[in-house]
């Protein structure tokens, strides 16, 4: 019961960081950038979040159960490697799509802003193996990842974004929240002694 209560609290912190901190940041961002620039940021952000879902591909539902049933680190490492290899492949395909969209100028936003947000977000999302931590009920790492990444974004918005000329920086800062979160979870994975084998087949997933 004590562990359950702890996990509930950590989940609340994680969700709070994920939703409340950006809500605090966006009014500052809107005032600094102005209506037009903030609109461009919002469109680029929405497209990026959609593209990140391609990399995630519902693994949080399927893989978490597999990890929860695994007992040994060797078993978890095999599951982790297969899914991460698949996600890395999806990320590469998504990055190719982003480059294509940039070349063809399809998104209704500035291309460089789109790249600034989407590229670090897609790369960072690969390392955010949240399904692994859900499966093992390691919610402390998820809370740390979300809290640290969103606080960094909030700090950059409050202290460095002053006008619409900082639109590129704002976009890059948002994209880097995925890199920061991914770095935290990758460190946690290494600390758990979970290995990533790049030669493992991805066909099963």
N, C-alpha and C. Protein backbone atom coordinates (compact mmCIF):
# COMPACT_ATOMS: atom_id res chain seq x y z
N UNK A 1 0.83 -1.21 0.00
CA UNK A 1 0.00 0.00 0.00
C UNK A 1 0.87 1.26 0.00
N UNK A 2 1.98 1.20 0.77
CA UNK A 2 2.88 2.35 0.84
C UNK A 2 3.50 2.63 -0.52
N UNK A 3 3.90 1.55 -1.23
CA UNK A 3 4.49 1.71 -2.56
C UNK A 3 3.45 2.25 -3.54
N UNK A 4 2.21 1.78 -3.41
CA UNK A 4 1.14 2.24 -4.29
C UNK A 4 0.89 3.73 -4.11
N UNK A 5 0.82 4.17 -2.85
CA UNK A 5 0.61 5.58 -2.56
C UNK A 5 1.76 6.44 -3.10
N UNK A 6 2.98 5.91 -2.96
CA UNK A 6 4.15 6.63 -3.47
C UNK A 6 4.08 6.78 -4.98
N UNK A 7 3.69 5.69 -5.66
CA UNK A 7 3.60 5.73 -7.12
C UNK A 7 2.50 6.69 -7.59
N UNK A 8 1.41 6.74 -6.83
CA UNK A 8 0.32 7.67 -7.18
C UNK A 8 0.80 9.11 -7.07
N UNK A 9 1.53 9.41 -6.00
CA UNK A 9 2.06 10.76 -5.81
C UNK A 9 3.06 11.12 -6.91
N UNK A 10 3.94 10.17 -7.23
CA UNK A 10 4.94 10.42 -8.27
C UNK A 10 4.29 10.59 -9.64
N UNK A 11 3.23 9.82 -9.89
CA UNK A 11 2.50 9.97 -11.15
C UNK A 11 1.84 11.34 -11.23
N UNK A 12 1.33 11.81 -10.10
CA UNK A 12 0.71 13.13 -10.06
C UNK A 12 1.74 14.22 -10.33
N UNK A 13 2.94 14.06 -9.75
CA UNK A 13 4.02 15.02 -9.99
C UNK A 13 4.42 15.02 -11.46
N UNK A 14 4.52 13.82 -12.02
CA UNK A 14 4.91 13.68 -13.43
C UNK A 14 3.88 14.34 -14.34
N UNK A 15 2.61 14.07 -14.11
CA UNK A 15 1.55 14.66 -14.93
C UNK A 15 1.46 16.17 -14.72
N UNK A 16 1.66 16.58 -13.47
CA UNK A 16 1.64 18.01 -13.18
C UNK A 16 2.73 18.75 -13.92
N UNK A 17 3.94 18.17 -13.91
CA UNK A 17 5.06 18.78 -14.62
C UNK A 17 4.79 18.82 -16.12
N UNK A 18 4.16 17.78 -16.62
CA UNK A 18 3.90 17.67 -18.06
C UNK A 18 2.88 18.70 -18.55
N UNK A 19 1.91 19.02 -17.72
CA UNK A 19 0.82 19.89 -18.17
C UNK A 19 0.84 21.28 -17.52
N UNK A 20 1.12 21.35 -16.23
CA UNK A 20 1.02 22.64 -15.54
C UNK A 20 2.18 23.57 -15.87
N UNK A 21 3.41 23.04 -15.92
CA UNK A 21 4.56 23.91 -16.19
C UNK A 21 4.49 24.56 -17.59
N UNK A 22 4.11 23.80 -18.64
CA UNK A 22 3.92 24.48 -19.94
C UNK A 22 2.80 25.52 -19.90
N UNK A 23 1.75 25.25 -19.12
CA UNK A 23 0.66 26.23 -19.00
C UNK A 23 1.15 27.52 -18.35
N UNK A 24 2.11 27.38 -17.43
CA UNK A 24 2.71 28.57 -16.81
C UNK A 24 3.61 29.29 -17.81
N UNK A 25 4.33 28.50 -18.62
CA UNK A 25 5.29 29.09 -19.56
C UNK A 25 4.62 29.81 -20.73
N UNK A 26 3.51 29.28 -21.22
CA UNK A 26 2.92 29.80 -22.45
C UNK A 26 2.44 31.25 -22.37
N UNK A 27 1.86 31.71 -21.25
CA UNK A 27 1.51 33.14 -21.18
C UNK A 27 2.74 34.05 -21.31
N UNK A 28 3.85 33.66 -20.65
CA UNK A 28 5.09 34.42 -20.80
C UNK A 28 5.55 34.41 -22.25
N UNK A 29 5.45 33.23 -22.87
CA UNK A 29 5.89 33.07 -24.25
C UNK A 29 5.03 33.89 -25.21
N UNK A 30 3.74 33.86 -24.99
CA UNK A 30 2.80 34.60 -25.84
C UNK A 30 3.04 36.11 -25.75
N UNK A 31 3.25 36.59 -24.54
CA UNK A 31 3.49 38.03 -24.35
C UNK A 31 4.80 38.47 -24.99
N UNK A 32 5.81 37.63 -24.89
CA UNK A 32 7.13 37.99 -25.43
C UNK A 32 7.16 37.92 -26.95
N UNK A 33 6.58 36.87 -27.51
CA UNK A 33 6.66 36.65 -28.96
C UNK A 33 5.65 37.49 -29.74
N UNK A 34 4.51 37.73 -29.14
CA UNK A 34 3.44 38.39 -29.88
C UNK A 34 2.53 37.37 -30.52
N UNK A 35 1.37 37.81 -30.95
CA UNK A 35 0.34 36.89 -31.46
C UNK A 35 0.80 36.11 -32.68
N UNK A 36 1.39 36.79 -33.65
CA UNK A 36 1.78 36.15 -34.90
C UNK A 36 2.86 35.08 -34.69
N UNK A 37 3.92 35.45 -33.99
CA UNK A 37 5.03 34.51 -33.76
C UNK A 37 4.60 33.35 -32.87
N UNK A 38 3.78 33.66 -31.86
CA UNK A 38 3.32 32.58 -30.98
C UNK A 38 2.42 31.61 -31.74
N UNK A 39 1.64 32.12 -32.68
CA UNK A 39 0.81 31.24 -33.52
C UNK A 39 1.66 30.29 -34.33
N UNK A 40 2.77 30.79 -34.88
CA UNK A 40 3.69 29.93 -35.63
C UNK A 40 4.29 28.86 -34.72
N UNK A 41 4.65 29.28 -33.51
CA UNK A 41 5.20 28.33 -32.53
C UNK A 41 4.19 27.24 -32.22
N UNK A 42 2.94 27.63 -31.99
CA UNK A 42 1.89 26.67 -31.62
C UNK A 42 1.64 25.66 -32.73
N UNK A 43 1.66 26.11 -33.99
CA UNK A 43 1.45 25.19 -35.11
C UNK A 43 2.60 24.20 -35.22
N UNK A 44 3.83 24.72 -35.12
CA UNK A 44 5.01 23.85 -35.18
C UNK A 44 5.02 22.84 -34.04
N UNK A 45 4.61 23.30 -32.86
CA UNK A 45 4.54 22.42 -31.70
C UNK A 45 3.52 21.31 -31.91
N UNK A 46 2.35 21.66 -32.43
CA UNK A 46 1.28 20.68 -32.64
C UNK A 46 1.71 19.62 -33.65
N UNK A 47 2.34 20.05 -34.75
CA UNK A 47 2.80 19.09 -35.76
C UNK A 47 3.86 18.17 -35.18
N UNK A 48 4.76 18.74 -34.37
CA UNK A 48 5.83 17.95 -33.76
C UNK A 48 5.28 16.91 -32.81
N UNK A 49 4.33 17.29 -31.98
CA UNK A 49 3.72 16.34 -31.04
C UNK A 49 3.06 15.19 -31.80
N UNK A 50 2.43 15.51 -32.92
CA UNK A 50 1.83 14.46 -33.75
C UNK A 50 2.91 13.52 -34.29
N UNK A 51 4.02 14.06 -34.76
CA UNK A 51 5.10 13.24 -35.30
C UNK A 51 5.75 12.37 -34.23
N UNK A 52 5.83 12.89 -33.02
CA UNK A 52 6.39 12.11 -31.91
C UNK A 52 5.55 10.86 -31.65
N UNK A 53 4.24 10.97 -31.86
CA UNK A 53 3.36 9.82 -31.66
C UNK A 53 3.69 8.69 -32.63
N UNK A 54 4.23 9.03 -33.79
CA UNK A 54 4.64 7.99 -34.74
C UNK A 54 5.76 7.15 -34.14
N UNK A 55 6.69 7.81 -33.46
CA UNK A 55 7.81 7.10 -32.83
C UNK A 55 7.32 6.26 -31.66
N UNK A 56 6.38 6.79 -30.89
CA UNK A 56 5.85 6.04 -29.74
C UNK A 56 5.01 4.84 -30.18
N UNK A 57 4.15 5.04 -31.17
CA UNK A 57 3.43 3.95 -31.84
C UNK A 57 2.71 3.00 -30.87
N UNK A 58 2.26 3.51 -29.73
CA UNK A 58 1.50 2.68 -28.80
C UNK A 58 2.31 1.69 -27.99
N UNK A 59 3.64 1.87 -27.98
CA UNK A 59 4.48 0.91 -27.25
C UNK A 59 4.25 0.96 -25.75
N UNK A 60 3.79 2.11 -25.24
CA UNK A 60 3.58 2.22 -23.80
C UNK A 60 2.54 1.23 -23.31
N UNK A 61 1.61 0.83 -24.18
CA UNK A 61 0.57 -0.13 -23.80
C UNK A 61 1.06 -1.57 -23.95
N UNK A 62 1.69 -1.86 -25.07
CA UNK A 62 2.11 -3.24 -25.36
C UNK A 62 3.35 -3.63 -24.58
N UNK A 63 4.37 -2.77 -24.63
CA UNK A 63 5.67 -3.12 -24.06
C UNK A 63 5.69 -3.10 -22.54
N UNK A 64 4.90 -2.23 -21.92
CA UNK A 64 4.88 -2.15 -20.46
C UNK A 64 4.49 -3.49 -19.85
N UNK A 65 3.53 -4.16 -20.46
CA UNK A 65 3.10 -5.46 -19.96
C UNK A 65 4.21 -6.49 -20.11
N UNK A 66 4.91 -6.46 -21.25
CA UNK A 66 6.01 -7.40 -21.48
C UNK A 66 7.10 -7.22 -20.42
N UNK A 67 7.43 -5.98 -20.14
CA UNK A 67 8.47 -5.69 -19.15
C UNK A 67 8.02 -6.09 -17.75
N UNK A 68 6.76 -5.85 -17.43
CA UNK A 68 6.24 -6.20 -16.11
C UNK A 68 6.32 -7.70 -15.85
N UNK A 69 6.16 -8.50 -16.90
CA UNK A 69 6.20 -9.96 -16.75
C UNK A 69 7.62 -10.50 -16.73
N UNK A 70 8.57 -9.76 -17.27
CA UNK A 70 9.97 -10.22 -17.32
C UNK A 70 10.59 -10.16 -15.92
N UNK A 71 11.40 -11.15 -15.61
CA UNK A 71 12.01 -11.24 -14.29
C UNK A 71 13.48 -10.86 -14.28
N UNK A 72 14.21 -11.28 -15.29
CA UNK A 72 15.65 -11.07 -15.33
C UNK A 72 16.01 -9.87 -16.20
N UNK A 73 17.16 -9.26 -15.87
CA UNK A 73 17.64 -8.13 -16.66
C UNK A 73 17.92 -8.52 -18.10
N UNK A 74 18.35 -9.75 -18.31
CA UNK A 74 18.64 -10.22 -19.67
C UNK A 74 17.36 -10.26 -20.50
N UNK A 75 16.25 -10.66 -19.88
CA UNK A 75 14.96 -10.68 -20.58
C UNK A 75 14.49 -9.25 -20.88
N UNK A 76 14.64 -8.39 -19.89
CA UNK A 76 14.23 -6.99 -20.08
C UNK A 76 15.09 -6.32 -21.15
N UNK A 77 16.38 -6.62 -21.15
CA UNK A 77 17.29 -6.04 -22.15
C UNK A 77 16.89 -6.46 -23.56
N UNK A 78 16.47 -7.71 -23.70
CA UNK A 78 16.05 -8.19 -25.02
C UNK A 78 14.79 -7.46 -25.49
N UNK A 79 13.82 -7.31 -24.58
CA UNK A 79 12.59 -6.59 -24.91
C UNK A 79 12.91 -5.13 -25.22
N UNK A 80 13.74 -4.54 -24.37
CA UNK A 80 14.13 -3.13 -24.53
C UNK A 80 14.80 -2.91 -25.89
N UNK A 81 15.70 -3.81 -26.24
CA UNK A 81 16.45 -3.67 -27.49
C UNK A 81 15.54 -3.77 -28.71
N UNK A 82 14.64 -4.74 -28.70
CA UNK A 82 13.73 -4.91 -29.84
C UNK A 82 12.85 -3.68 -30.04
N UNK A 83 12.30 -3.21 -28.95
CA UNK A 83 11.38 -2.08 -29.07
C UNK A 83 12.13 -0.79 -29.39
N UNK A 84 13.28 -0.59 -28.76
CA UNK A 84 14.05 0.61 -29.03
C UNK A 84 14.58 0.64 -30.46
N UNK A 85 14.97 -0.52 -30.97
CA UNK A 85 15.42 -0.58 -32.36
C UNK A 85 14.29 -0.23 -33.32
N UNK A 86 13.09 -0.72 -32.99
CA UNK A 86 11.93 -0.39 -33.81
C UNK A 86 11.62 1.11 -33.73
N UNK A 87 11.67 1.66 -32.53
CA UNK A 87 11.41 3.09 -32.35
C UNK A 87 12.47 3.94 -33.05
N UNK A 88 13.72 3.48 -33.00
CA UNK A 88 14.80 4.21 -33.68
C UNK A 88 14.57 4.22 -35.19
N UNK A 89 14.10 3.09 -35.72
CA UNK A 89 13.79 3.01 -37.15
C UNK A 89 12.65 3.96 -37.50
N UNK A 90 11.61 3.97 -36.67
CA UNK A 90 10.49 4.88 -36.90
C UNK A 90 10.94 6.34 -36.81
N UNK A 91 11.88 6.61 -35.89
CA UNK A 91 12.41 7.98 -35.76
C UNK A 91 13.16 8.39 -37.02
N UNK A 92 13.95 7.48 -37.57
CA UNK A 92 14.69 7.78 -38.81
C UNK A 92 13.73 8.08 -39.96
N UNK A 93 12.68 7.28 -40.06
CA UNK A 93 11.68 7.51 -41.10
C UNK A 93 10.96 8.84 -40.89
N UNK A 94 10.69 9.16 -39.63
CA UNK A 94 10.03 10.43 -39.31
C UNK A 94 10.92 11.61 -39.63
N UNK A 95 12.22 11.48 -39.34
CA UNK A 95 13.16 12.55 -39.66
C UNK A 95 13.25 12.77 -41.17
N UNK A 96 13.19 11.68 -41.93
CA UNK A 96 13.17 11.81 -43.39
C UNK A 96 11.92 12.55 -43.85
N UNK A 97 10.79 12.25 -43.18
CA UNK A 97 9.54 12.95 -43.49
C UNK A 97 9.66 14.43 -43.17
N UNK A 98 10.30 14.74 -42.05
CA UNK A 98 10.48 16.14 -41.65
C UNK A 98 11.33 16.89 -42.68
N UNK A 99 12.40 16.24 -43.12
CA UNK A 99 13.26 16.85 -44.14
C UNK A 99 12.48 17.09 -45.43
N UNK A 100 11.64 16.12 -45.78
CA UNK A 100 10.81 16.26 -46.99
C UNK A 100 9.83 17.42 -46.84
N UNK A 101 9.20 17.52 -45.68
CA UNK A 101 8.27 18.62 -45.43
C UNK A 101 8.99 19.97 -45.49
N UNK A 102 10.23 19.97 -44.98
CA UNK A 102 11.03 21.20 -44.99
C UNK A 102 11.38 21.62 -46.41
N UNK A 103 11.80 20.64 -47.22
CA UNK A 103 12.18 20.93 -48.60
C UNK A 103 10.99 21.41 -49.42
N UNK A 104 9.85 20.72 -49.24
CA UNK A 104 8.66 21.06 -50.01
C UNK A 104 7.88 22.24 -49.44
N UNK A 105 8.31 22.68 -48.24
CA UNK A 105 7.67 23.82 -47.57
C UNK A 105 6.17 23.57 -47.38
N UNK A 106 5.85 22.36 -46.92
CA UNK A 106 4.45 21.98 -46.75
C UNK A 106 3.82 22.56 -45.48
N UNK A 107 4.49 22.45 -44.29
CA UNK A 107 3.84 22.99 -43.10
C UNK A 107 3.62 24.50 -43.23
N UNK A 108 2.50 25.01 -42.73
CA UNK A 108 2.20 26.45 -42.84
C UNK A 108 2.99 27.27 -41.82
N UNK A 109 4.28 26.99 -41.69
CA UNK A 109 5.14 27.68 -40.74
C UNK A 109 6.51 27.85 -41.37
N UNK A 110 7.36 28.63 -40.71
CA UNK A 110 8.72 28.80 -41.19
C UNK A 110 9.47 27.49 -41.06
N UNK A 111 10.17 27.11 -42.12
CA UNK A 111 10.85 25.82 -42.14
C UNK A 111 11.89 25.66 -41.06
N UNK A 112 12.67 26.71 -40.81
CA UNK A 112 13.73 26.61 -39.81
C UNK A 112 13.15 26.45 -38.39
N UNK A 113 12.04 27.09 -38.14
CA UNK A 113 11.36 26.92 -36.85
C UNK A 113 10.88 25.48 -36.70
N UNK A 114 10.32 24.94 -37.77
CA UNK A 114 9.84 23.56 -37.75
C UNK A 114 10.98 22.59 -37.45
N UNK A 115 12.14 22.81 -38.08
CA UNK A 115 13.30 21.96 -37.82
C UNK A 115 13.80 22.11 -36.39
N UNK A 116 13.81 23.35 -35.89
CA UNK A 116 14.31 23.62 -34.54
C UNK A 116 13.51 22.89 -33.48
N UNK A 117 12.21 22.76 -33.71
CA UNK A 117 11.35 22.07 -32.74
C UNK A 117 11.35 20.57 -32.97
N UNK A 118 11.15 20.16 -34.21
CA UNK A 118 10.87 18.75 -34.50
C UNK A 118 12.09 17.83 -34.41
N UNK A 119 13.25 18.28 -34.91
CA UNK A 119 14.41 17.38 -34.94
C UNK A 119 14.87 16.97 -33.54
N UNK A 120 15.14 17.91 -32.61
CA UNK A 120 15.52 17.47 -31.26
C UNK A 120 14.41 16.70 -30.55
N UNK A 121 13.15 17.04 -30.85
CA UNK A 121 12.03 16.33 -30.22
C UNK A 121 11.98 14.88 -30.66
N UNK A 122 12.15 14.62 -31.95
CA UNK A 122 12.10 13.25 -32.46
C UNK A 122 13.27 12.45 -31.92
N UNK A 123 14.47 13.03 -31.95
CA UNK A 123 15.65 12.32 -31.44
C UNK A 123 15.49 12.04 -29.95
N UNK A 124 15.06 13.04 -29.20
CA UNK A 124 14.90 12.86 -27.76
C UNK A 124 13.83 11.85 -27.40
N UNK A 125 12.76 11.80 -28.21
CA UNK A 125 11.66 10.88 -27.91
C UNK A 125 12.09 9.42 -27.99
N UNK A 126 13.09 9.13 -28.82
CA UNK A 126 13.58 7.75 -28.92
C UNK A 126 14.10 7.27 -27.57
N UNK A 127 14.78 8.14 -26.86
CA UNK A 127 15.39 7.76 -25.58
C UNK A 127 14.42 7.85 -24.41
N UNK A 128 13.23 8.37 -24.66
CA UNK A 128 12.22 8.42 -23.61
C UNK A 128 11.42 7.12 -23.61
N UNK A 129 12.04 6.08 -23.12
CA UNK A 129 11.38 4.77 -23.07
C UNK A 129 10.48 4.70 -21.84
N UNK A 130 9.43 5.51 -21.86
CA UNK A 130 8.53 5.59 -20.70
C UNK A 130 7.86 4.26 -20.41
N UNK A 131 7.63 3.47 -21.45
CA UNK A 131 6.99 2.16 -21.28
C UNK A 131 7.81 1.26 -20.35
N UNK A 132 9.13 1.37 -20.41
CA UNK A 132 10.00 0.56 -19.55
C UNK A 132 9.77 0.89 -18.09
N UNK A 133 9.67 2.17 -17.78
CA UNK A 133 9.52 2.61 -16.40
C UNK A 133 8.10 2.40 -15.89
N UNK A 134 7.12 2.46 -16.79
CA UNK A 134 5.75 2.10 -16.40
C UNK A 134 5.68 0.61 -16.08
N UNK A 135 6.32 -0.19 -16.90
CA UNK A 135 6.30 -1.64 -16.69
C UNK A 135 6.94 -2.07 -15.39
N UNK A 136 8.02 -1.39 -15.00
CA UNK A 136 8.73 -1.72 -13.76
C UNK A 136 8.27 -0.86 -12.59
N UNK A 137 7.31 0.02 -12.83
CA UNK A 137 6.76 0.91 -11.79
C UNK A 137 7.84 1.81 -11.18
N UNK A 138 8.76 2.28 -12.02
CA UNK A 138 9.79 3.21 -11.57
C UNK A 138 9.33 4.65 -11.90
N UNK A 139 8.34 5.10 -11.17
CA UNK A 139 7.73 6.39 -11.49
C UNK A 139 8.58 7.58 -11.05
N UNK A 140 9.53 7.34 -10.15
CA UNK A 140 10.39 8.44 -9.69
C UNK A 140 11.21 9.00 -10.85
N UNK A 141 11.70 8.11 -11.70
CA UNK A 141 12.50 8.56 -12.84
C UNK A 141 11.63 9.31 -13.85
N UNK A 142 10.41 8.87 -14.04
CA UNK A 142 9.50 9.58 -14.95
C UNK A 142 9.19 10.98 -14.43
N UNK A 143 8.97 11.07 -13.12
CA UNK A 143 8.70 12.37 -12.52
C UNK A 143 9.91 13.30 -12.65
N UNK A 144 11.10 12.75 -12.41
CA UNK A 144 12.34 13.54 -12.53
C UNK A 144 12.54 14.03 -13.95
N UNK A 145 12.31 13.13 -14.90
CA UNK A 145 12.47 13.47 -16.32
C UNK A 145 11.53 14.60 -16.74
N UNK A 146 10.26 14.46 -16.41
CA UNK A 146 9.28 15.48 -16.79
C UNK A 146 9.52 16.81 -16.08
N UNK A 147 9.82 16.72 -14.79
CA UNK A 147 10.01 17.94 -14.00
C UNK A 147 11.23 18.72 -14.47
N UNK A 148 12.35 18.03 -14.67
CA UNK A 148 13.58 18.70 -15.07
C UNK A 148 13.46 19.33 -16.46
N UNK A 149 12.91 18.57 -17.40
CA UNK A 149 12.81 19.08 -18.78
C UNK A 149 11.87 20.27 -18.87
N UNK A 150 10.75 20.20 -18.18
CA UNK A 150 9.77 21.30 -18.26
C UNK A 150 10.25 22.53 -17.48
N UNK A 151 10.98 22.33 -16.39
CA UNK A 151 11.54 23.46 -15.65
C UNK A 151 12.59 24.19 -16.47
N UNK A 152 13.39 23.43 -17.22
CA UNK A 152 14.39 24.04 -18.10
C UNK A 152 13.72 24.90 -19.16
N UNK A 153 12.64 24.39 -19.74
CA UNK A 153 11.90 25.15 -20.75
C UNK A 153 11.31 26.42 -20.15
N UNK A 154 10.72 26.28 -18.96
CA UNK A 154 10.12 27.43 -18.28
C UNK A 154 11.18 28.49 -17.99
N UNK A 155 12.35 28.06 -17.53
CA UNK A 155 13.43 29.00 -17.21
C UNK A 155 13.90 29.75 -18.45
N UNK A 156 14.05 29.05 -19.57
CA UNK A 156 14.48 29.69 -20.81
C UNK A 156 13.43 30.70 -21.29
N UNK A 157 12.17 30.32 -21.19
CA UNK A 157 11.09 31.22 -21.62
C UNK A 157 11.07 32.49 -20.77
N UNK A 158 11.18 32.33 -19.46
CA UNK A 158 11.08 33.47 -18.55
C UNK A 158 12.29 34.40 -18.66
N UNK A 159 13.49 33.82 -18.78
CA UNK A 159 14.70 34.64 -18.69
C UNK A 159 15.35 35.00 -20.03
N UNK A 160 15.00 34.28 -21.10
CA UNK A 160 15.72 34.52 -22.36
C UNK A 160 14.83 34.92 -23.54
N UNK A 161 13.55 34.59 -23.49
CA UNK A 161 12.66 34.94 -24.60
C UNK A 161 12.08 36.32 -24.36
N UNK A 162 12.48 37.29 -25.19
CA UNK A 162 12.09 38.68 -24.95
C UNK A 162 11.26 39.29 -26.08
N UNK A 163 11.41 38.75 -27.30
CA UNK A 163 10.67 39.32 -28.43
C UNK A 163 10.48 38.26 -29.50
N UNK A 164 9.81 38.64 -30.58
CA UNK A 164 9.58 37.69 -31.67
C UNK A 164 10.88 37.27 -32.35
N UNK A 165 11.94 38.02 -32.13
CA UNK A 165 13.25 37.63 -32.68
C UNK A 165 13.80 36.37 -32.01
N UNK A 166 13.22 36.01 -30.87
CA UNK A 166 13.66 34.82 -30.14
C UNK A 166 12.79 33.60 -30.46
N UNK A 167 12.04 33.68 -31.54
CA UNK A 167 11.14 32.58 -31.90
C UNK A 167 11.90 31.28 -32.13
N UNK A 168 13.01 31.35 -32.84
CA UNK A 168 13.82 30.15 -33.11
C UNK A 168 14.32 29.54 -31.81
N UNK A 169 14.79 30.37 -30.88
CA UNK A 169 15.28 29.89 -29.59
C UNK A 169 14.15 29.22 -28.81
N UNK A 170 12.97 29.81 -28.84
CA UNK A 170 11.82 29.23 -28.14
C UNK A 170 11.48 27.86 -28.70
N UNK A 171 11.50 27.75 -30.03
CA UNK A 171 11.22 26.47 -30.66
C UNK A 171 12.26 25.42 -30.31
N UNK A 172 13.52 25.82 -30.37
CA UNK A 172 14.60 24.88 -30.06
C UNK A 172 14.53 24.44 -28.59
N UNK A 173 14.19 25.38 -27.71
CA UNK A 173 14.07 25.06 -26.28
C UNK A 173 12.98 24.04 -26.04
N UNK A 174 11.85 24.21 -26.74
CA UNK A 174 10.77 23.23 -26.59
C UNK A 174 11.20 21.86 -27.11
N UNK A 175 11.85 21.83 -28.27
CA UNK A 175 12.33 20.56 -28.80
C UNK A 175 13.31 19.88 -27.87
N UNK A 176 14.13 20.68 -27.20
CA UNK A 176 15.15 20.12 -26.31
C UNK A 176 14.57 19.55 -25.02
N UNK A 177 13.31 19.86 -24.71
CA UNK A 177 12.71 19.23 -23.54
C UNK A 177 12.68 17.72 -23.71
N UNK A 178 12.51 17.27 -24.95
CA UNK A 178 12.52 15.83 -25.24
C UNK A 178 13.93 15.27 -25.08
N UNK A 179 14.94 16.04 -25.48
CA UNK A 179 16.32 15.59 -25.33
C UNK A 179 16.71 15.49 -23.86
N UNK A 180 16.31 16.48 -23.07
CA UNK A 180 16.63 16.46 -21.64
C UNK A 180 15.93 15.29 -20.96
N UNK A 181 14.64 15.14 -21.23
CA UNK A 181 13.90 14.01 -20.66
C UNK A 181 14.47 12.68 -21.09
N UNK A 182 14.86 12.59 -22.36
CA UNK A 182 15.45 11.36 -22.87
C UNK A 182 16.78 11.05 -22.22
N UNK A 183 17.59 12.09 -21.97
CA UNK A 183 18.89 11.90 -21.33
C UNK A 183 18.73 11.36 -19.91
N UNK A 184 17.74 11.90 -19.19
CA UNK A 184 17.48 11.43 -17.81
C UNK A 184 17.08 9.96 -17.81
N UNK A 185 16.16 9.59 -18.70
CA UNK A 185 15.69 8.20 -18.73
C UNK A 185 16.75 7.25 -19.27
N UNK A 186 17.60 7.73 -20.18
CA UNK A 186 18.70 6.89 -20.67
C UNK A 186 19.69 6.62 -19.54
N UNK A 187 19.98 7.64 -18.75
CA UNK A 187 20.85 7.47 -17.58
C UNK A 187 20.25 6.46 -16.61
N UNK A 188 18.95 6.58 -16.38
CA UNK A 188 18.27 5.65 -15.48
C UNK A 188 18.33 4.22 -16.01
N UNK A 189 18.18 4.07 -17.32
CA UNK A 189 18.24 2.74 -17.94
C UNK A 189 19.61 2.12 -17.75
N UNK A 190 20.66 2.91 -17.95
CA UNK A 190 22.03 2.42 -17.75
C UNK A 190 22.26 2.05 -16.28
N UNK A 191 21.71 2.86 -15.39
CA UNK A 191 21.84 2.58 -13.95
C UNK A 191 21.12 1.30 -13.56
N UNK A 192 20.05 0.98 -14.27
CA UNK A 192 19.30 -0.27 -14.04
C UNK A 192 20.00 -1.47 -14.67
N UNK A 193 21.10 -1.20 -15.38
CA UNK A 193 21.88 -2.24 -16.08
C UNK A 193 21.05 -2.93 -17.17
N UNK A 194 20.26 -2.12 -17.86
CA UNK A 194 19.51 -2.60 -19.01
C UNK A 194 20.33 -2.29 -20.26
N UNK A 195 20.62 -3.31 -21.04
CA UNK A 195 21.46 -3.15 -22.23
C UNK A 195 20.61 -2.92 -23.47
N UNK A 196 21.20 -2.21 -24.43
CA UNK A 196 20.55 -1.97 -25.72
C UNK A 196 21.39 -2.65 -26.79
N UNK A 197 20.89 -3.77 -27.30
CA UNK A 197 21.60 -4.53 -28.33
C UNK A 197 21.07 -4.12 -29.70
N UNK A 198 21.94 -3.54 -30.51
CA UNK A 198 21.50 -2.99 -31.79
C UNK A 198 21.30 -4.05 -32.86
N UNK A 199 21.78 -5.28 -32.61
CA UNK A 199 21.66 -6.32 -33.63
C UNK A 199 20.43 -7.20 -33.43
N UNK A 200 19.65 -6.91 -32.41
CA UNK A 200 18.46 -7.71 -32.15
C UNK A 200 17.42 -7.45 -33.23
N UNK A 201 16.73 -8.50 -33.66
CA UNK A 201 15.71 -8.36 -34.71
C UNK A 201 14.55 -7.51 -34.22
N UNK A 202 13.95 -6.76 -35.15
CA UNK A 202 12.79 -5.93 -34.79
C UNK A 202 11.51 -6.48 -35.41
N UNK A 203 11.61 -7.62 -36.08
CA UNK A 203 10.47 -8.14 -36.84
C UNK A 203 9.28 -8.47 -35.94
N UNK A 204 9.55 -8.97 -34.71
CA UNK A 204 8.46 -9.40 -33.84
C UNK A 204 7.58 -8.24 -33.42
N UNK A 205 8.09 -7.03 -33.49
CA UNK A 205 7.30 -5.88 -33.06
C UNK A 205 6.89 -5.05 -34.26
